[in-house]
C-alpha atoms as a PDB file:
ATOM      1  CA  UNK A   1      13.484  11.597  21.041  1.00  0.00           C
ATOM      2  CA  UNK A   2      11.705  11.482  17.729  1.00  0.00           C
ATOM      3  CA  UNK A   3       8.737   9.953  16.298  1.00  0.00           C
ATOM      4  CA  UNK A   4       9.016   6.811  14.013  1.00  0.00           C
ATOM      5  CA  UNK A   5       7.793   7.289  10.499  1.00  0.00           C
ATOM      6  CA  UNK A   6       4.678   5.070  11.315  1.00  0.00           C
ATOM      7  CA  UNK A   7       3.696   7.979  13.585  1.00  0.00           C
ATOM      8  CA  UNK A   8       3.116  10.100  10.426  1.00  0.00           C
ATOM      9  CA  UNK A   9       1.803   7.430   7.993  1.00  0.00           C
ATOM     10  CA  UNK A  10      -1.704   7.956   9.277  1.00  0.00           C
ATOM     11  CA  UNK A  11      -4.634   9.958   8.418  1.00  0.00           C
ATOM     12  CA  UNK A  12      -4.090  13.760   8.670  1.00  0.00           C
ATOM     13  CA  UNK A  13      -6.866  14.053  11.355  1.00  0.00           C
ATOM     14  CA  UNK A  14      -5.182  11.698  13.526  1.00  0.00           C
ATOM     15  CA  UNK A  15      -1.796  13.241  13.137  1.00  0.00           C
ATOM     16  CA  UNK A  16      -3.168  16.755  13.513  1.00  0.00           C
ATOM     17  CA  UNK A  17      -4.401  15.903  16.920  1.00  0.00           C
ATOM     18  CA  UNK A  18      -1.576  13.869  18.156  1.00  0.00           C
ATOM     19  CA  UNK A  19       1.186  16.422  17.167  1.00  0.00           C
ATOM     20  CA  UNK A  20      -0.367  18.801  19.692  1.00  0.00           C
ATOM     21  CA  UNK A  21       1.902  19.318  22.709  1.00  0.00           C
ATOM     22  CA  UNK A  22       5.088  18.014  21.001  1.00  0.00           C
ATOM     23  CA  UNK A  23       8.096  19.865  19.640  1.00  0.00           C
ATOM     24  CA  UNK A  24       8.935  21.434  16.475  1.00  0.00           C
ATOM     25  CA  UNK A  25      12.843  21.987  16.167  1.00  0.00           C
ATOM     26  CA  UNK A  26      14.825  24.242  14.088  1.00  0.00           C
ATOM     27  CA  UNK A  27      18.688  23.982  14.182  1.00  0.00           C
ATOM     28  CA  UNK A  28      20.613  26.759  12.422  1.00  0.00           C
ATOM     29  CA  UNK A  29      24.420  26.462  12.708  1.00  0.00           C
ATOM     30  CA  UNK A  30      25.028  26.672  16.498  1.00  0.00           C
ATOM     31  CA  UNK A  31      21.305  27.885  17.145  1.00  0.00           C
ATOM     32  CA  UNK A  32      18.628  25.586  18.310  1.00  0.00           C
ATOM     33  CA  UNK A  33      15.018  26.624  18.347  1.00  0.00           C
ATOM     34  CA  UNK A  34      12.344  24.652  20.084  1.00  0.00           C
ATOM     35  CA  UNK A  35       8.601  25.322  19.964  1.00  0.00           C
ATOM     36  CA  UNK A  36       5.720  23.487  21.181  1.00  0.00           C
ATOM     37  CA  UNK A  37       3.063  22.722  18.699  1.00  0.00           C
ATOM     38  CA  UNK A  38      -0.320  24.268  19.982  1.00  0.00           C
ATOM     39  CA  UNK A  39      -2.474  24.371  16.819  1.00  0.00           C
ATOM     40  CA  UNK A  40      -2.841  22.536  13.521  1.00  0.00           C
ATOM     41  CA  UNK A  41      -5.138  21.915  10.782  1.00  0.00           C
ATOM     42  CA  UNK A  42      -5.718  18.621   8.874  1.00  0.00           C
ATOM     43  CA  UNK A  43      -6.063  18.563   5.102  1.00  0.00           C
ATOM     44  CA  UNK A  44      -7.280  15.075   4.009  1.00  0.00           C
ATOM     45  CA  UNK A  45      -6.097  14.683   0.225  1.00  0.00           C
ATOM     46  CA  UNK A  46      -7.856  14.278  -2.875  1.00  0.00           C
ATOM     47  CA  UNK A  47     -11.380  14.343  -1.640  1.00  0.00           C
ATOM     48  CA  UNK A  48     -10.803  17.381   0.600  1.00  0.00           C
ATOM     49  CA  UNK A  49     -11.960  20.496  -1.207  1.00  0.00           C
ATOM     50  CA  UNK A  50      -9.841  22.572   1.117  1.00  0.00           C
ATOM     51  CA  UNK A  51      -6.631  20.685   0.260  1.00  0.00           C
ATOM     52  CA  UNK A  52      -4.126  21.741  -2.448  1.00  0.00           C
ATOM     53  CA  UNK A  53      -4.264  18.014  -3.902  1.00  0.00           C
ATOM     54  CA  UNK A  54      -8.033  17.881  -4.325  1.00  0.00           C
ATOM     55  CA  UNK A  55      -9.218  15.969  -7.094  1.00  0.00           C
ATOM     56  CA  UNK A  56      -5.564  14.524  -7.429  1.00  0.00           C
ATOM     57  CA  UNK A  57      -3.848  17.623  -8.507  1.00  0.00           C
ATOM     58  CA  UNK A  58      -0.354  17.175  -8.658  1.00  0.00           C
ATOM     59  CA  UNK A  59       2.015  20.083  -9.511  1.00  0.00           C
ATOM     60  CA  UNK A  60       5.515  21.281  -8.792  1.00  0.00           C
ATOM     61  CA  UNK A  61       4.156  23.260  -5.729  1.00  0.00           C
ATOM     62  CA  UNK A  62       2.431  20.132  -4.309  1.00  0.00           C
ATOM     63  CA  UNK A  63       4.890  17.414  -5.108  1.00  0.00           C
ATOM     64  CA  UNK A  64       6.107  17.247  -1.604  1.00  0.00           C
ATOM     65  CA  UNK A  65       2.790  16.164  -0.529  1.00  0.00           C
ATOM     66  CA  UNK A  66       3.148  12.963  -2.379  1.00  0.00           C
ATOM     67  CA  UNK A  67       5.969  12.038  -0.361  1.00  0.00           C
ATOM     68  CA  UNK A  68       5.821   9.436   2.579  1.00  0.00           C
ATOM     69  CA  UNK A  69       4.421  10.803   6.006  1.00  0.00           C
ATOM     70  CA  UNK A  70       6.850  12.737   7.903  1.00  0.00           C
ATOM     71  CA  UNK A  71       8.377  15.216   5.375  1.00  0.00           C
ATOM     72  CA  UNK A  72       7.863  18.948   5.302  1.00  0.00           C
ATOM     73  CA  UNK A  73       5.357  20.551   2.542  1.00  0.00           C
ATOM     74  CA  UNK A  74       6.241  24.213   2.562  1.00  0.00           C
ATOM     75  CA  UNK A  75       4.571  26.819   0.336  1.00  0.00           C
ATOM     76  CA  UNK A  76       4.148  30.575   0.054  1.00  0.00           C
ATOM     77  CA  UNK A  77       0.945  32.545   0.653  1.00  0.00           C
ATOM     78  CA  UNK A  78       0.238  36.267  -0.277  1.00  0.00           C
ATOM     79  CA  UNK A  79       3.666  36.286  -1.842  1.00  0.00           C
ATOM     80  CA  UNK A  80       5.275  36.896   1.469  1.00  0.00           C
ATOM     81  CA  UNK A  81       4.651  34.353   3.954  1.00  0.00           C
ATOM     82  CA  UNK A  82       5.701  30.580   4.219  1.00  0.00           C
ATOM     83  CA  UNK A  83       3.504  28.005   5.761  1.00  0.00           C
ATOM     84  CA  UNK A  84       4.829  24.546   7.221  1.00  0.00           C
ATOM     85  CA  UNK A  85       2.924  21.299   6.761  1.00  0.00           C
ATOM     86  CA  UNK A  86       3.672  17.919   8.022  1.00  0.00           C
ATOM     87  CA  UNK A  87       2.868  15.360   5.299  1.00  0.00           C
ATOM     88  CA  UNK A  88       0.767  12.672   6.497  1.00  0.00           C
ATOM     89  CA  UNK A  89      -0.549   9.262   5.304  1.00  0.00           C
ATOM     90  CA  UNK A  90       1.286   6.876   2.825  1.00  0.00           C
ATOM     91  CA  UNK A  91       3.415   7.736  -0.176  1.00  0.00           C
ATOM     92  CA  UNK A  92       1.144   9.068  -3.039  1.00  0.00           C
ATOM     93  CA  UNK A  93      -1.621   9.660  -0.506  1.00  0.00           C
ATOM     94  CA  UNK A  94      -1.308  13.456  -0.460  1.00  0.00           C
ATOM     95  CA  UNK A  95      -2.486  14.505   3.115  1.00  0.00           C
ATOM     96  CA  UNK A  96      -0.880  17.261   5.261  1.00  0.00           C
ATOM     97  CA  UNK A  97      -1.140  18.872   8.576  1.00  0.00           C
ATOM     98  CA  UNK A  98      -0.574  22.727   8.686  1.00  0.00           C
ATOM     99  CA  UNK A  99       1.235  24.042  11.786  1.00  0.00           C
ATOM    100  CA  UNK A 100      -0.746  27.038  12.474  1.00  0.00           C
ATOM    101  CA  UNK A 101       0.788  28.106  15.976  1.00  0.00           C
ATOM    102  CA  UNK A 102       3.623  27.179  18.176  1.00  0.00           C
ATOM    103  CA  UNK A 103       4.655  28.308  21.789  1.00  0.00           C
ATOM    104  CA  UNK A 104       8.411  29.104  22.169  1.00  0.00           C
ATOM    105  CA  UNK A 105      10.368  26.786  24.531  1.00  0.00           C
ATOM    106  CA  UNK A 106      13.972  27.293  23.716  1.00  0.00           C
ATOM    107  CA  UNK A 107      15.957  29.957  21.731  1.00  0.00           C
ATOM    108  CA  UNK A 108      13.449  32.682  22.589  1.00  0.00           C
ATOM    109  CA  UNK A 109      15.904  35.567  21.968  1.00  0.00           C
ATOM    110  CA  UNK A 110      16.725  34.150  18.496  1.00  0.00           C
ATOM    111  CA  UNK A 111      13.023  34.270  17.778  1.00  0.00           C
ATOM    112  CA  UNK A 112      12.801  37.735  18.866  1.00  0.00           C
ATOM    113  CA  UNK A 113      15.505  38.816  16.668  1.00  0.00           C
ATOM    114  CA  UNK A 114      13.744  36.894  13.692  1.00  0.00           C
ATOM    115  CA  UNK A 115      10.533  38.859  14.617  1.00  0.00           C
ATOM    116  CA  UNK A 116      11.932  42.373  15.362  1.00  0.00           C
ATOM    117  CA  UNK A 117       9.070  44.930  16.574  1.00  0.00           C
ATOM    118  CA  UNK A 118       6.907  42.291  18.062  1.00  0.00           C
ATOM    119  CA  UNK A 119       5.933  43.458  21.749  1.00  0.00           C
ATOM    120  CA  UNK A 120       3.611  40.517  22.886  1.00  0.00           C
ATOM    121  CA  UNK A 121       5.451  37.257  23.458  1.00  0.00           C
ATOM    122  CA  UNK A 122       2.224  35.194  21.802  1.00  0.00           C
ATOM    123  CA  UNK A 123       2.464  37.307  18.631  1.00  0.00           C
ATOM    124  CA  UNK A 124       5.840  35.998  17.936  1.00  0.00           C
ATOM    125  CA  UNK A 125       4.496  32.585  16.693  1.00  0.00           C
ATOM    126  CA  UNK A 126       0.566  32.715  16.688  1.00  0.00           C
ATOM    127  CA  UNK A 127       0.125  32.237  13.082  1.00  0.00           C
ATOM    128  CA  UNK A 128       1.708  29.973  10.285  1.00  0.00           C
ATOM    129  CA  UNK A 129       3.483  32.812   8.597  1.00  0.00           C
ATOM    130  CA  UNK A 130       4.639  34.125  11.850  1.00  0.00           C
ATOM    131  CA  UNK A 131       6.186  31.123  13.067  1.00  0.00           C
ATOM    132  CA  UNK A 132       7.764  30.355   9.739  1.00  0.00           C
ATOM    133  CA  UNK A 133       9.647  33.776  10.259  1.00  0.00           C
ATOM    134  CA  UNK A 134      10.448  33.145  13.827  1.00  0.00           C
ATOM    135  CA  UNK A 135      11.973  29.992  13.122  1.00  0.00           C
ATOM    136  CA  UNK A 136      13.585  30.621   9.910  1.00  0.00           C
ATOM    137  CA  UNK A 137      11.370  28.053   7.624  1.00  0.00           C
ATOM    138  CA  UNK A 138      11.188  28.842   4.053  1.00  0.00           C
ATOM    139  CA  UNK A 139      10.975  26.726   0.787  1.00  0.00           C
ATOM    140  CA  UNK A 140      14.663  25.619   1.117  1.00  0.00           C
ATOM    141  CA  UNK A 141      13.251  23.243   3.565  1.00  0.00           C
ATOM    142  CA  UNK A 142      10.538  22.017   1.326  1.00  0.00           C
ATOM    143  CA  UNK A 143      10.549  18.270   1.247  1.00  0.00           C
ATOM    144  CA  UNK A 144      12.805  17.678   4.128  1.00  0.00           C
ATOM    145  CA  UNK A 145      12.688  14.503   6.388  1.00  0.00           C
ATOM    146  CA  UNK A 146      11.098  15.809   9.644  1.00  0.00           C
ATOM    147  CA  UNK A 147      11.952  12.313  11.182  1.00  0.00           C
ATOM    148  CA  UNK A 148      15.627  12.009  10.425  1.00  0.00           C
ATOM    149  CA  UNK A 149      16.585  15.445   9.478  1.00  0.00           C
ATOM    150  CA  UNK A 150      18.935  17.965  11.155  1.00  0.00           C
ATOM    151  CA  UNK A 151      17.741  21.368  10.289  1.00  0.00           C
ATOM    152  CA  UNK A 152      13.966  20.903  10.854  1.00  0.00           C
ATOM    153  CA  UNK A 153      12.374  18.065  12.676  1.00  0.00           C
ATOM    154  CA  UNK A 154       9.781  17.073  15.322  1.00  0.00           C
ATOM    155  CA  UNK A 155      10.681  15.802  18.895  1.00  0.00           C
ATOM    156  CA  UNK A 156       8.439  13.820  21.263  1.00  0.00           C
ATOM    157  CA  UNK A 157       7.459  15.693  24.534  1.00  0.00           C
ATOM    158  CA  UNK A 158       8.334  13.118  27.009  1.00  0.00           C
ATOM    159  CA  UNK A 159       6.576  15.055  29.554  1.00  0.00           C
ATOM    160  CA  UNK A 160       3.440  15.540  27.684  1.00  0.00           C
ATOM    161  CA  UNK A 161       0.715  17.252  30.132  1.00  0.00           C
ATOM    162  CA  UNK A 162      -2.913  16.631  30.135  1.00  0.00           C
ATOM    163  CA  UNK A 163      -4.915  19.061  28.038  1.00  0.00           C
ATOM    164  CA  UNK A 164      -8.189  19.564  26.451  1.00  0.00           C
ATOM    165  CA  UNK A 165      -8.212  19.669  22.377  1.00  0.00           C
ATOM    166  CA  UNK A 166     -10.602  21.914  20.710  1.00  0.00           C
ATOM    167  CA  UNK A 167     -12.006  21.153  17.104  1.00  0.00           C
ATOM    168  CA  UNK A 168     -12.960  24.157  15.095  1.00  0.00           C
ATOM    169  CA  UNK A 169     -13.507  25.030  11.340  1.00  0.00           C
ATOM    170  CA  UNK A 170     -10.411  25.739   9.431  1.00  0.00           C
ATOM    171  CA  UNK A 171      -9.145  29.336   8.584  1.00  0.00           C
ATOM    172  CA  UNK A 172      -9.439  31.249   5.281  1.00  0.00           C
ATOM    173  CA  UNK A 173     -10.977  28.262   3.092  1.00  0.00           C
ATOM    174  CA  UNK A 174     -14.155  29.727   2.009  1.00  0.00           C
ATOM    175  CA  UNK A 175     -13.687  28.201  -1.519  1.00  0.00           C
ATOM    176  CA  UNK A 176     -13.880  24.719  -0.097  1.00  0.00           C
ATOM    177  CA  UNK A 177     -17.642  24.345  -0.315  1.00  0.00           C
ATOM    178  CA  UNK A 178     -19.231  21.644   2.041  1.00  0.00           C
ATOM    179  CA  UNK A 179     -15.415  21.113   3.576  1.00  0.00           C
ATOM    180  CA  UNK A 180     -15.247  24.822   4.667  1.00  0.00           C
ATOM    181  CA  UNK A 181     -16.766  23.835   8.128  1.00  0.00           C
ATOM    182  CA  UNK A 182     -15.509  20.708   8.662  1.00  0.00           C
ATOM    183  CA  UNK A 183     -14.013  20.764  12.384  1.00  0.00           C
ATOM    184  CA  UNK A 184     -10.408  20.051  11.296  1.00  0.00           C
ATOM    185  CA  UNK A 185      -8.617  22.678  13.067  1.00  0.00           C
ATOM    186  CA  UNK A 186      -7.065  21.498  16.327  1.00  0.00           C
ATOM    187  CA  UNK A 187      -5.770  23.319  19.293  1.00  0.00           C
ATOM    188  CA  UNK A 188      -4.945  23.306  22.836  1.00  0.00           C
ATOM    189  CA  UNK A 189      -7.653  24.814  24.944  1.00  0.00           C
ATOM    190  CA  UNK A 190      -6.650  27.809  26.859  1.00  0.00           C
ATOM    191  CA  UNK A 191      -3.285  28.451  25.139  1.00  0.00           C
ATOM    192  CA  UNK A 192      -2.466  32.069  24.470  1.00  0.00           C
ATOM    193  CA  UNK A 193      -0.404  31.205  21.472  1.00  0.00           C
ATOM    194  CA  UNK A 194      -3.189  29.837  19.355  1.00  0.00           C
ATOM    195  CA  UNK A 195      -3.946  32.033  16.387  1.00  0.00           C
ATOM    196  CA  UNK A 196      -7.503  32.540  16.223  1.00  0.00           C
ATOM    197  CA  UNK A 197     -10.257  31.701  18.898  1.00  0.00           C
END
């Protein structure tokens, strides 16, 4: 069961909270990996100094953020790690939600194969670069449709449990001025897979 496009065509802050507890699915050939989204960060477009599209910046790198909500925006950091973002809001309103951490649900052996040498289960996917490696997410998936796609998409958790959501400042955006301390990071309280407590 997938979300309708309208779920994603809302403000990134709303989408960041409401993605928690639902499933990120990666299909590679015959292998299906399912992971529960447990931590997100909202990036709220041209007025957000922490956002790649602050001031209306539109580059080859950020072009996917200008797609309608429900697409993937994937970029590389530190020259080695990919980060998966879910585009939010309407077309040409470039907002996105960074998926910061997930909890493996299905395909754990495949995840471990992709993250060789990791001992603690929570260290497999407790960070944006880690989860991208675990789920084999890279720039080839940039711009893909997370609503109708077959390789990478989001499914509703029809048995969504009750949980408390913690709001905290986003991570590693010291350059963002007064936006640095906005409580736009959202995570499930008590979850061991959260990247930074």
